[in-house]
């Protein structure tokens, strides 16, 4: 299977669109098709609900096993934040076990995060296992963003630095993730939520 899976590279359908207390809500749906089955031969349904209000963006991902056999999967939200990379920092990950993909992405170095405040001084690609369900991102542009989640057990920090020289200074990734495989029996579902709030 391609790196980061297939769900991010295909068209999702609009399942529902409405307003909730004046706020827009859209629910997207992805189901298996010949393309997905060429890499991962299972029947599934994924729904992704997005709720937007004045100060926050909330999402809910639901994966349902619609097959007649069990399957396992992993997932991550590739959340890109507009930022000044030299001023950006993340709090809340101290003491987490880390899998640092710098310098060799194929052989991550295991470690433990000792810093209270994590910055992006160069290339950063690090997985934080059993991360807390609240992190704070200072985007270096004057905003503090509270990142809250349920059932996303891990986090990933990424910035490509000189690998993407034209744009790396203008964003950071702080991703909620489920690195370990989720096992679903037929007709079982898994749900994970995220809320991003600008303080």
N, C-alpha and C. Protein backbone atom coordinates (compact mmCIF):
# COMPACT_ATOMS: atom_id res chain seq x y z
N UNK A 1 0.85 -1.19 0.00
CA UNK A 1 0.00 0.00 0.00
C UNK A 1 0.88 1.24 0.00
N UNK A 2 0.42 2.28 -0.65
CA UNK A 2 1.16 3.54 -0.72
C UNK A 2 1.35 4.15 0.67
N UNK A 3 2.39 4.96 0.84
CA UNK A 3 2.63 5.61 2.12
C UNK A 3 1.43 6.45 2.51
N UNK A 4 1.06 6.40 3.78
CA UNK A 4 -0.07 7.13 4.34
C UNK A 4 -1.42 6.61 3.85
N UNK A 5 -1.45 5.43 3.22
CA UNK A 5 -2.72 4.84 2.84
C UNK A 5 -3.36 5.48 1.63
N UNK A 6 -4.61 5.08 1.36
CA UNK A 6 -5.28 5.52 0.13
C UNK A 6 -6.39 6.53 0.37
N UNK A 7 -6.91 6.66 1.60
CA UNK A 7 -8.12 7.46 1.82
C UNK A 7 -7.92 8.94 1.51
N UNK A 8 -6.70 9.43 1.64
CA UNK A 8 -6.44 10.86 1.40
C UNK A 8 -6.33 11.19 -0.09
N UNK A 9 -6.23 10.17 -0.95
CA UNK A 9 -5.98 10.40 -2.37
C UNK A 9 -7.20 10.13 -3.25
N UNK A 10 -8.35 9.92 -2.65
CA UNK A 10 -9.55 9.57 -3.43
C UNK A 10 -10.66 10.56 -3.12
N UNK A 11 -11.66 10.58 -3.98
CA UNK A 11 -12.81 11.46 -3.79
C UNK A 11 -13.79 10.84 -2.79
N UNK A 12 -14.17 11.62 -1.79
CA UNK A 12 -15.21 11.24 -0.85
C UNK A 12 -16.53 11.83 -1.36
N UNK A 13 -17.63 11.18 -1.01
CA UNK A 13 -18.96 11.67 -1.38
C UNK A 13 -19.53 12.49 -0.24
N UNK A 14 -20.40 13.46 -0.57
CA UNK A 14 -21.12 14.20 0.47
C UNK A 14 -22.32 13.38 0.89
N UNK A 15 -22.32 12.93 2.13
CA UNK A 15 -23.42 12.12 2.66
C UNK A 15 -24.53 13.00 3.22
N UNK A 16 -24.13 14.13 3.84
CA UNK A 16 -25.13 15.00 4.47
C UNK A 16 -24.53 16.40 4.61
N UNK A 17 -25.39 17.41 4.53
CA UNK A 17 -24.98 18.80 4.73
C UNK A 17 -26.12 19.53 5.40
N UNK A 18 -25.83 20.23 6.50
CA UNK A 18 -26.88 20.88 7.27
C UNK A 18 -26.30 22.02 8.09
N UNK A 19 -27.16 22.70 8.81
CA UNK A 19 -26.74 23.69 9.80
C UNK A 19 -27.15 23.20 11.18
N UNK A 20 -26.27 23.40 12.14
CA UNK A 20 -26.54 23.03 13.53
C UNK A 20 -26.34 24.28 14.37
N UNK A 21 -27.44 24.84 14.87
CA UNK A 21 -27.39 26.09 15.63
C UNK A 21 -26.65 27.18 14.86
N UNK A 22 -26.93 27.25 13.57
CA UNK A 22 -26.32 28.27 12.72
C UNK A 22 -24.94 27.94 12.21
N UNK A 23 -24.38 26.79 12.59
CA UNK A 23 -23.04 26.41 12.17
C UNK A 23 -23.10 25.35 11.08
N UNK A 24 -22.27 25.47 10.03
CA UNK A 24 -22.30 24.48 8.96
C UNK A 24 -21.73 23.14 9.41
N UNK A 25 -22.41 22.08 8.97
CA UNK A 25 -21.99 20.70 9.26
C UNK A 25 -22.03 19.93 7.95
N UNK A 26 -20.94 19.26 7.61
CA UNK A 26 -20.93 18.41 6.42
C UNK A 26 -20.38 17.04 6.81
N UNK A 27 -21.00 16.00 6.28
CA UNK A 27 -20.53 14.63 6.53
C UNK A 27 -20.15 14.01 5.19
N UNK A 28 -18.91 13.56 5.11
CA UNK A 28 -18.38 12.91 3.92
C UNK A 28 -18.33 11.41 4.12
N UNK A 29 -18.37 10.66 3.01
CA UNK A 29 -18.38 9.20 3.09
C UNK A 29 -17.41 8.62 2.08
N UNK A 30 -16.74 7.55 2.51
CA UNK A 30 -15.87 6.78 1.63
C UNK A 30 -16.18 5.30 1.82
N UNK A 31 -16.36 4.60 0.70
CA UNK A 31 -16.58 3.15 0.74
C UNK A 31 -15.54 2.47 -0.14
N UNK A 32 -15.39 1.17 0.09
CA UNK A 32 -14.44 0.40 -0.71
C UNK A 32 -14.87 0.40 -2.18
N UNK A 33 -13.86 0.31 -3.04
CA UNK A 33 -14.09 0.21 -4.48
C UNK A 33 -12.92 -0.57 -5.06
N UNK A 34 -12.91 -0.82 -6.36
CA UNK A 34 -11.81 -1.61 -6.93
C UNK A 34 -10.42 -1.02 -6.63
N UNK A 35 -10.32 0.31 -6.59
CA UNK A 35 -9.03 0.94 -6.29
C UNK A 35 -8.57 0.59 -4.88
N UNK A 36 -9.46 0.77 -3.89
CA UNK A 36 -9.06 0.46 -2.51
C UNK A 36 -8.80 -1.03 -2.33
N UNK A 37 -9.62 -1.85 -3.00
CA UNK A 37 -9.46 -3.30 -2.85
C UNK A 37 -8.18 -3.81 -3.51
N UNK A 38 -7.64 -3.06 -4.46
CA UNK A 38 -6.38 -3.48 -5.06
C UNK A 38 -5.23 -3.40 -4.06
N UNK A 39 -5.40 -2.59 -3.00
CA UNK A 39 -4.37 -2.44 -1.97
C UNK A 39 -4.76 -3.10 -0.66
N UNK A 40 -6.08 -3.10 -0.39
CA UNK A 40 -6.59 -3.54 0.93
C UNK A 40 -7.95 -4.17 0.68
N UNK A 41 -8.01 -5.49 0.65
CA UNK A 41 -9.16 -6.22 0.13
C UNK A 41 -10.24 -6.44 1.19
N UNK A 42 -10.86 -5.33 1.61
CA UNK A 42 -11.92 -5.40 2.61
C UNK A 42 -13.04 -4.43 2.24
N UNK A 43 -14.24 -4.77 2.72
CA UNK A 43 -15.39 -3.88 2.56
C UNK A 43 -15.51 -3.03 3.82
N UNK A 44 -15.67 -1.71 3.63
CA UNK A 44 -15.73 -0.80 4.78
C UNK A 44 -16.56 0.42 4.42
N UNK A 45 -16.93 1.17 5.44
CA UNK A 45 -17.50 2.51 5.28
C UNK A 45 -16.75 3.43 6.23
N UNK A 46 -16.33 4.58 5.71
CA UNK A 46 -15.73 5.63 6.53
C UNK A 46 -16.59 6.88 6.38
N UNK A 47 -16.95 7.50 7.50
CA UNK A 47 -17.62 8.80 7.45
C UNK A 47 -16.78 9.80 8.22
N UNK A 48 -16.79 11.04 7.72
CA UNK A 48 -15.99 12.10 8.31
C UNK A 48 -16.87 13.34 8.41
N UNK A 49 -17.25 13.68 9.65
CA UNK A 49 -18.12 14.83 9.89
C UNK A 49 -17.27 16.03 10.31
N UNK A 50 -17.57 17.18 9.71
CA UNK A 50 -16.85 18.41 10.02
C UNK A 50 -17.86 19.48 10.45
N UNK A 51 -17.62 20.08 11.62
CA UNK A 51 -18.48 21.14 12.15
C UNK A 51 -17.62 22.38 12.35
N UNK A 52 -18.07 23.50 11.79
CA UNK A 52 -17.32 24.74 11.87
C UNK A 52 -18.12 25.78 12.63
N UNK A 53 -17.49 26.42 13.63
CA UNK A 53 -18.12 27.59 14.24
C UNK A 53 -17.08 28.72 14.32
N UNK A 54 -17.42 29.80 14.99
CA UNK A 54 -16.59 31.00 14.93
C UNK A 54 -15.18 30.79 15.46
N UNK A 55 -15.02 29.93 16.46
CA UNK A 55 -13.71 29.77 17.09
C UNK A 55 -13.15 28.36 17.00
N UNK A 56 -13.90 27.40 16.45
CA UNK A 56 -13.42 26.03 16.48
C UNK A 56 -13.81 25.25 15.22
N UNK A 57 -13.08 24.18 15.00
CA UNK A 57 -13.34 23.22 13.94
C UNK A 57 -13.35 21.85 14.60
N UNK A 58 -14.47 21.13 14.46
CA UNK A 58 -14.60 19.80 15.08
C UNK A 58 -14.77 18.75 14.00
N UNK A 59 -14.16 17.59 14.22
CA UNK A 59 -14.28 16.49 13.26
C UNK A 59 -14.58 15.19 13.99
N UNK A 60 -15.26 14.29 13.29
CA UNK A 60 -15.53 12.95 13.80
C UNK A 60 -15.32 11.95 12.68
N UNK A 61 -14.41 11.02 12.88
CA UNK A 61 -14.15 9.95 11.92
C UNK A 61 -14.73 8.65 12.46
N UNK A 62 -15.55 7.98 11.64
CA UNK A 62 -16.12 6.69 12.01
C UNK A 62 -15.75 5.67 10.94
N UNK A 63 -15.10 4.60 11.34
CA UNK A 63 -14.76 3.50 10.43
C UNK A 63 -15.62 2.30 10.81
N UNK A 64 -16.36 1.74 9.85
CA UNK A 64 -17.22 0.59 10.08
C UNK A 64 -16.80 -0.56 9.18
N UNK A 65 -16.70 -1.73 9.78
CA UNK A 65 -16.39 -2.95 9.04
C UNK A 65 -17.69 -3.48 8.43
N UNK A 66 -17.84 -3.35 7.11
CA UNK A 66 -19.03 -3.86 6.43
C UNK A 66 -18.74 -5.19 5.73
N UNK A 67 -17.61 -5.79 6.05
CA UNK A 67 -17.20 -7.07 5.46
C UNK A 67 -17.73 -8.22 6.32
N UNK A 68 -17.52 -9.44 5.85
CA UNK A 68 -17.91 -10.62 6.63
C UNK A 68 -16.71 -11.24 7.33
N UNK A 69 -15.58 -10.52 7.34
CA UNK A 69 -14.38 -10.97 8.05
C UNK A 69 -13.76 -9.78 8.77
N UNK A 70 -12.97 -10.06 9.78
CA UNK A 70 -12.38 -8.97 10.56
C UNK A 70 -11.26 -8.30 9.77
N UNK A 71 -10.95 -7.05 10.12
CA UNK A 71 -9.80 -6.38 9.55
C UNK A 71 -9.18 -5.46 10.58
N UNK A 72 -7.95 -5.01 10.28
CA UNK A 72 -7.27 -4.03 11.13
C UNK A 72 -6.80 -2.88 10.26
N UNK A 73 -6.67 -1.71 10.88
CA UNK A 73 -6.25 -0.51 10.16
C UNK A 73 -5.57 0.44 11.12
N UNK A 74 -4.87 1.41 10.57
CA UNK A 74 -4.35 2.54 11.34
C UNK A 74 -4.79 3.81 10.62
N UNK A 75 -4.70 4.94 11.32
CA UNK A 75 -5.21 6.19 10.74
C UNK A 75 -4.48 7.37 11.34
N UNK A 76 -4.48 8.48 10.60
CA UNK A 76 -3.94 9.74 11.09
C UNK A 76 -4.60 10.88 10.34
N UNK A 77 -4.75 12.00 11.02
CA UNK A 77 -5.27 13.21 10.41
C UNK A 77 -4.09 14.09 10.02
N UNK A 78 -3.94 14.35 8.75
CA UNK A 78 -2.80 15.16 8.29
C UNK A 78 -3.17 16.63 8.42
N UNK A 79 -3.06 17.13 9.65
CA UNK A 79 -3.55 18.47 9.98
C UNK A 79 -2.43 19.49 9.82
N UNK A 80 -2.56 20.31 8.79
CA UNK A 80 -1.57 21.34 8.48
C UNK A 80 -2.05 22.67 9.06
N UNK A 81 -1.22 23.32 9.85
CA UNK A 81 -1.55 24.61 10.44
C UNK A 81 -0.68 25.69 9.82
N UNK A 82 -1.30 26.79 9.42
CA UNK A 82 -0.54 27.96 9.01
C UNK A 82 0.29 28.43 10.20
N UNK A 83 1.58 28.65 9.98
CA UNK A 83 2.47 28.97 11.10
C UNK A 83 3.73 29.67 10.59
N UNK A 84 4.40 30.31 11.51
CA UNK A 84 5.77 30.75 11.28
C UNK A 84 6.66 29.69 11.91
N UNK A 85 7.28 28.86 11.10
CA UNK A 85 7.93 27.66 11.63
C UNK A 85 9.00 27.99 12.66
N UNK A 86 9.67 29.13 12.52
CA UNK A 86 10.73 29.46 13.47
C UNK A 86 10.17 29.90 14.81
N UNK A 87 8.90 30.29 14.86
CA UNK A 87 8.29 30.70 16.12
C UNK A 87 7.29 29.71 16.68
N UNK A 88 7.00 28.65 15.93
CA UNK A 88 5.97 27.70 16.34
C UNK A 88 6.48 26.76 17.43
N UNK A 89 5.57 26.33 18.30
CA UNK A 89 5.93 25.38 19.36
C UNK A 89 4.70 24.60 19.80
N UNK A 90 4.94 23.44 20.39
CA UNK A 90 3.87 22.56 20.87
C UNK A 90 4.15 22.20 22.32
N UNK A 91 3.11 22.28 23.14
CA UNK A 91 3.20 21.86 24.54
C UNK A 91 2.27 20.67 24.79
N UNK A 92 2.66 19.83 25.75
CA UNK A 92 1.79 18.74 26.18
C UNK A 92 2.32 17.35 25.90
N UNK A 93 3.50 17.24 25.28
CA UNK A 93 4.01 15.92 24.89
C UNK A 93 5.17 15.42 25.75
N UNK A 94 5.52 16.18 26.80
CA UNK A 94 6.62 15.74 27.65
C UNK A 94 6.34 14.37 28.25
N UNK A 95 7.36 13.53 28.27
CA UNK A 95 7.35 12.17 28.84
C UNK A 95 6.75 11.13 27.90
N UNK A 96 6.26 11.52 26.73
CA UNK A 96 5.76 10.53 25.78
C UNK A 96 6.91 9.72 25.19
N UNK A 97 6.63 8.47 24.90
CA UNK A 97 7.57 7.66 24.12
C UNK A 97 7.56 8.18 22.69
N UNK A 98 8.76 8.28 22.09
CA UNK A 98 8.87 8.84 20.75
C UNK A 98 9.46 7.82 19.77
N UNK A 99 9.04 7.97 18.52
CA UNK A 99 9.64 7.26 17.38
C UNK A 99 10.09 8.36 16.42
N UNK A 100 11.36 8.69 16.48
CA UNK A 100 11.92 9.80 15.72
C UNK A 100 12.42 9.30 14.37
N UNK A 101 11.82 9.81 13.29
CA UNK A 101 12.16 9.36 11.94
C UNK A 101 13.30 10.15 11.31
N UNK A 102 13.90 11.06 12.06
CA UNK A 102 15.07 11.78 11.61
C UNK A 102 16.28 11.16 12.32
N UNK A 103 17.26 10.63 11.63
CA UNK A 103 17.56 10.84 10.22
C UNK A 103 17.05 9.75 9.28
N UNK A 104 16.58 8.59 9.79
CA UNK A 104 16.23 7.48 8.89
C UNK A 104 14.76 7.12 9.07
N UNK A 105 13.89 7.52 8.14
CA UNK A 105 12.46 7.24 8.29
C UNK A 105 12.12 5.75 8.38
N UNK A 106 12.96 4.90 7.80
CA UNK A 106 12.66 3.46 7.81
C UNK A 106 13.08 2.78 9.11
N UNK A 107 13.90 3.45 9.88
CA UNK A 107 14.37 2.90 11.16
C UNK A 107 14.25 3.97 12.25
N UNK A 108 13.02 4.24 12.72
CA UNK A 108 12.84 5.29 13.72
C UNK A 108 13.61 5.00 15.01
N UNK A 109 14.14 6.06 15.60
CA UNK A 109 14.85 5.94 16.87
C UNK A 109 13.85 6.05 18.02
N UNK A 110 13.83 5.05 18.89
CA UNK A 110 12.94 5.10 20.06
C UNK A 110 13.57 6.00 21.11
N UNK A 111 12.71 6.75 21.80
CA UNK A 111 13.19 7.63 22.84
C UNK A 111 12.06 8.09 23.73
N UNK A 112 12.34 9.14 24.49
CA UNK A 112 11.35 9.73 25.39
C UNK A 112 11.48 11.25 25.30
N UNK A 113 10.35 11.93 25.18
CA UNK A 113 10.37 13.38 25.06
C UNK A 113 10.67 14.01 26.41
N UNK A 114 11.73 14.81 26.48
CA UNK A 114 12.13 15.45 27.73
C UNK A 114 11.75 16.93 27.77
N UNK A 115 11.35 17.49 26.64
CA UNK A 115 11.09 18.93 26.57
C UNK A 115 9.65 19.28 26.94
N UNK A 116 9.48 20.39 27.65
CA UNK A 116 8.15 20.94 27.89
C UNK A 116 7.60 21.58 26.63
N UNK A 117 8.48 22.26 25.89
CA UNK A 117 8.09 23.00 24.69
C UNK A 117 8.90 22.45 23.52
N UNK A 118 8.20 21.95 22.51
CA UNK A 118 8.85 21.37 21.34
C UNK A 118 8.80 22.38 20.20
N UNK A 119 9.94 22.62 19.57
CA UNK A 119 10.02 23.59 18.48
C UNK A 119 10.39 22.87 17.18
N UNK A 120 10.51 23.64 16.11
CA UNK A 120 10.76 23.10 14.77
C UNK A 120 12.01 23.75 14.19
N UNK A 121 13.19 23.43 14.75
CA UNK A 121 14.41 24.11 14.31
C UNK A 121 14.94 23.64 12.97
N UNK A 122 14.46 22.51 12.49
CA UNK A 122 14.90 21.94 11.22
C UNK A 122 13.91 20.88 10.81
N UNK A 123 14.37 19.84 10.10
CA UNK A 123 13.49 18.74 9.70
C UNK A 123 12.95 18.06 10.96
N UNK A 124 11.63 17.88 11.02
CA UNK A 124 10.98 17.22 12.15
C UNK A 124 10.01 16.18 11.60
N UNK A 125 10.14 14.94 12.06
CA UNK A 125 9.20 13.87 11.73
C UNK A 125 9.23 12.89 12.90
N UNK A 126 8.32 13.09 13.85
CA UNK A 126 8.38 12.32 15.09
C UNK A 126 6.98 11.89 15.52
N UNK A 127 6.86 10.61 15.88
CA UNK A 127 5.63 10.04 16.40
C UNK A 127 5.71 10.04 17.93
N UNK A 128 4.62 10.46 18.56
CA UNK A 128 4.51 10.46 20.02
C UNK A 128 3.44 9.45 20.41
N UNK A 129 3.86 8.37 21.06
CA UNK A 129 2.93 7.30 21.42
C UNK A 129 2.24 7.61 22.74
N UNK A 130 0.97 7.20 22.82
CA UNK A 130 0.15 7.42 24.02
C UNK A 130 0.19 8.89 24.42
N UNK A 131 -0.08 9.73 23.46
CA UNK A 131 -0.08 11.18 23.70
C UNK A 131 -1.34 11.59 24.46
N UNK A 132 -1.28 12.69 25.21
CA UNK A 132 -2.47 13.16 25.92
C UNK A 132 -3.53 13.64 24.95
N UNK A 133 -4.75 13.79 25.45
CA UNK A 133 -5.85 14.20 24.55
C UNK A 133 -5.98 15.72 24.45
N UNK A 134 -5.01 16.46 24.99
CA UNK A 134 -4.97 17.92 24.81
C UNK A 134 -3.54 18.36 24.56
N UNK A 135 -3.35 19.11 23.47
CA UNK A 135 -2.07 19.73 23.15
C UNK A 135 -2.33 21.20 22.87
N UNK A 136 -1.30 22.01 23.00
CA UNK A 136 -1.41 23.43 22.67
C UNK A 136 -0.34 23.77 21.64
N UNK A 137 -0.81 24.29 20.50
CA UNK A 137 0.08 24.76 19.45
C UNK A 137 0.12 26.27 19.47
N UNK A 138 1.31 26.84 19.62
CA UNK A 138 1.56 28.26 19.38
C UNK A 138 2.07 28.35 17.94
N UNK A 139 1.29 28.99 17.07
CA UNK A 139 1.67 28.96 15.65
C UNK A 139 2.72 30.01 15.28
N UNK A 140 3.20 30.78 16.25
CA UNK A 140 4.21 31.78 15.97
C UNK A 140 3.69 33.00 15.25
N UNK A 141 2.37 33.05 15.05
CA UNK A 141 1.72 34.18 14.38
C UNK A 141 0.77 34.93 15.31
N UNK A 142 0.84 34.57 16.60
CA UNK A 142 -0.03 35.22 17.58
C UNK A 142 -1.23 34.41 18.02
N UNK A 143 -1.36 33.19 17.50
CA UNK A 143 -2.50 32.34 17.88
C UNK A 143 -2.04 31.17 18.71
N UNK A 144 -2.84 30.84 19.74
CA UNK A 144 -2.66 29.60 20.49
C UNK A 144 -3.86 28.73 20.17
N UNK A 145 -3.59 27.51 19.71
CA UNK A 145 -4.63 26.60 19.26
C UNK A 145 -4.67 25.40 20.18
N UNK A 146 -5.82 25.19 20.80
CA UNK A 146 -6.04 24.03 21.66
C UNK A 146 -6.48 22.87 20.78
N UNK A 147 -5.75 21.76 20.85
CA UNK A 147 -6.04 20.57 20.05
C UNK A 147 -6.52 19.49 21.02
N UNK A 148 -7.81 19.17 20.97
CA UNK A 148 -8.40 18.17 21.86
C UNK A 148 -8.89 17.00 21.03
N UNK A 149 -8.85 15.80 21.61
CA UNK A 149 -9.34 14.65 20.86
C UNK A 149 -9.86 13.56 21.80
N UNK A 150 -10.63 12.66 21.22
CA UNK A 150 -10.99 11.42 21.89
C UNK A 150 -10.67 10.26 20.96
N UNK A 151 -10.00 9.26 21.50
CA UNK A 151 -9.71 7.99 20.83
C UNK A 151 -8.58 8.06 19.80
N UNK A 152 -7.99 9.23 19.59
CA UNK A 152 -6.73 9.29 18.85
C UNK A 152 -5.64 9.14 19.89
N UNK A 153 -4.98 8.01 19.94
CA UNK A 153 -4.07 7.71 21.05
C UNK A 153 -2.66 8.28 20.87
N UNK A 154 -2.32 8.70 19.65
CA UNK A 154 -0.96 9.12 19.36
C UNK A 154 -0.95 10.48 18.66
N UNK A 155 0.24 11.04 18.48
CA UNK A 155 0.37 12.32 17.78
C UNK A 155 1.63 12.28 16.92
N UNK A 156 1.62 13.09 15.86
CA UNK A 156 2.77 13.20 14.97
C UNK A 156 3.07 14.67 14.76
N UNK A 157 4.35 15.04 14.90
CA UNK A 157 4.81 16.39 14.52
C UNK A 157 5.66 16.25 13.27
N UNK A 158 5.41 17.16 12.30
CA UNK A 158 6.15 17.07 11.04
C UNK A 158 6.35 18.45 10.45
N UNK A 159 7.55 18.68 9.95
CA UNK A 159 7.84 19.80 9.08
C UNK A 159 8.99 19.37 8.18
N UNK A 160 8.85 19.53 6.86
CA UNK A 160 9.84 18.97 5.93
C UNK A 160 11.12 19.76 5.81
N UNK A 161 11.15 20.99 6.35
CA UNK A 161 12.33 21.87 6.27
C UNK A 161 12.78 21.98 4.81
N UNK A 162 14.02 21.75 4.51
CA UNK A 162 14.55 22.05 3.18
C UNK A 162 14.08 21.07 2.10
N UNK A 163 13.40 19.98 2.51
CA UNK A 163 12.82 19.08 1.50
C UNK A 163 11.71 19.78 0.72
N UNK A 164 11.10 20.80 1.33
CA UNK A 164 10.08 21.61 0.66
C UNK A 164 10.43 23.08 0.87
N UNK A 165 11.53 23.48 0.30
CA UNK A 165 12.14 24.77 0.59
C UNK A 165 11.21 25.95 0.30
N UNK A 166 10.32 25.79 -0.68
CA UNK A 166 9.47 26.91 -1.09
C UNK A 166 8.41 27.26 -0.05
N UNK A 167 8.04 26.30 0.83
CA UNK A 167 6.89 26.56 1.70
C UNK A 167 7.05 26.13 3.15
N UNK A 168 8.14 25.46 3.52
CA UNK A 168 8.23 24.88 4.86
C UNK A 168 8.14 25.91 5.98
N UNK A 169 8.49 27.16 5.71
CA UNK A 169 8.49 28.18 6.76
C UNK A 169 7.08 28.62 7.16
N UNK A 170 6.08 28.22 6.36
CA UNK A 170 4.73 28.75 6.54
C UNK A 170 3.74 27.78 7.15
N UNK A 171 4.18 26.60 7.60
CA UNK A 171 3.25 25.64 8.19
C UNK A 171 3.97 24.66 9.10
N UNK A 172 3.19 24.04 9.97
CA UNK A 172 3.62 22.87 10.74
C UNK A 172 2.47 21.88 10.75
N UNK A 173 2.80 20.62 10.91
CA UNK A 173 1.78 19.57 11.08
C UNK A 173 1.79 19.10 12.53
N UNK A 174 0.61 19.10 13.14
CA UNK A 174 0.40 18.49 14.45
C UNK A 174 -0.78 17.57 14.25
N UNK A 175 -0.51 16.28 14.12
CA UNK A 175 -1.51 15.31 13.68
C UNK A 175 -1.95 14.40 14.82
N UNK A 176 -3.26 14.26 14.98
CA UNK A 176 -3.76 13.18 15.81
C UNK A 176 -3.70 11.89 15.00
N UNK A 177 -3.34 10.80 15.67
CA UNK A 177 -3.10 9.55 14.95
C UNK A 177 -3.47 8.34 15.80
N UNK A 178 -3.65 7.23 15.12
CA UNK A 178 -3.82 5.92 15.75
C UNK A 178 -2.80 5.02 15.07
N UNK A 179 -1.59 4.97 15.65
CA UNK A 179 -0.48 4.27 15.01
C UNK A 179 -0.64 2.76 15.10
N UNK A 180 -1.02 2.28 16.28
CA UNK A 180 -1.26 0.84 16.43
C UNK A 180 -2.52 0.43 15.70
N UNK A 181 -2.55 -0.80 15.22
CA UNK A 181 -3.70 -1.26 14.45
C UNK A 181 -4.96 -1.39 15.29
N UNK A 182 -6.07 -0.89 14.73
CA UNK A 182 -7.40 -1.08 15.32
C UNK A 182 -7.99 -2.33 14.68
N UNK A 183 -8.45 -3.25 15.51
CA UNK A 183 -9.06 -4.48 15.01
C UNK A 183 -10.57 -4.35 15.08
N UNK A 184 -11.25 -4.56 13.95
CA UNK A 184 -12.71 -4.50 13.91
C UNK A 184 -13.28 -5.81 13.40
N UNK A 185 -14.24 -6.34 14.14
CA UNK A 185 -14.99 -7.49 13.68
C UNK A 185 -16.09 -7.03 12.72
N UNK A 186 -16.69 -7.92 11.96
CA UNK A 186 -17.78 -7.53 11.06
C UNK A 186 -18.86 -6.75 11.80
N UNK A 187 -19.26 -5.63 11.19
CA UNK A 187 -20.30 -4.72 11.69
C UNK A 187 -19.86 -3.87 12.88
N UNK A 188 -18.65 -4.01 13.34
CA UNK A 188 -18.15 -3.14 14.40
C UNK A 188 -17.68 -1.81 13.82
N UNK A 189 -17.73 -0.76 14.66
CA UNK A 189 -17.28 0.57 14.26
C UNK A 189 -16.26 1.11 15.26
N UNK A 190 -15.45 2.03 14.79
CA UNK A 190 -14.48 2.76 15.62
C UNK A 190 -14.68 4.24 15.35
N UNK A 191 -14.70 5.05 16.42
CA UNK A 191 -14.97 6.48 16.31
C UNK A 191 -13.86 7.27 17.01
N UNK A 192 -13.42 8.35 16.38
CA UNK A 192 -12.44 9.24 16.99
C UNK A 192 -12.82 10.68 16.64
N UNK A 193 -12.68 11.58 17.61
CA UNK A 193 -13.05 12.98 17.39
C UNK A 193 -11.86 13.90 17.63
N UNK A 194 -11.95 15.08 17.04
CA UNK A 194 -10.95 16.13 17.24
C UNK A 194 -11.64 17.47 17.28
N UNK A 195 -11.16 18.37 18.15
CA UNK A 195 -11.64 19.74 18.16
C UNK A 195 -10.44 20.67 18.21
N UNK A 196 -10.41 21.62 17.29
CA UNK A 196 -9.38 22.64 17.22
C UNK A 196 -10.01 23.96 17.60
N UNK A 197 -9.48 24.62 18.64
CA UNK A 197 -10.07 25.86 19.13
C UNK A 197 -9.00 26.93 19.21
N UNK A 198 -9.26 28.07 18.60
CA UNK A 198 -8.33 29.19 18.65
C UNK A 198 -8.59 30.00 19.91
N UNK A 199 -7.55 30.18 20.75
CA UNK A 199 -7.71 30.88 22.01
C UNK A 199 -7.30 32.35 21.88
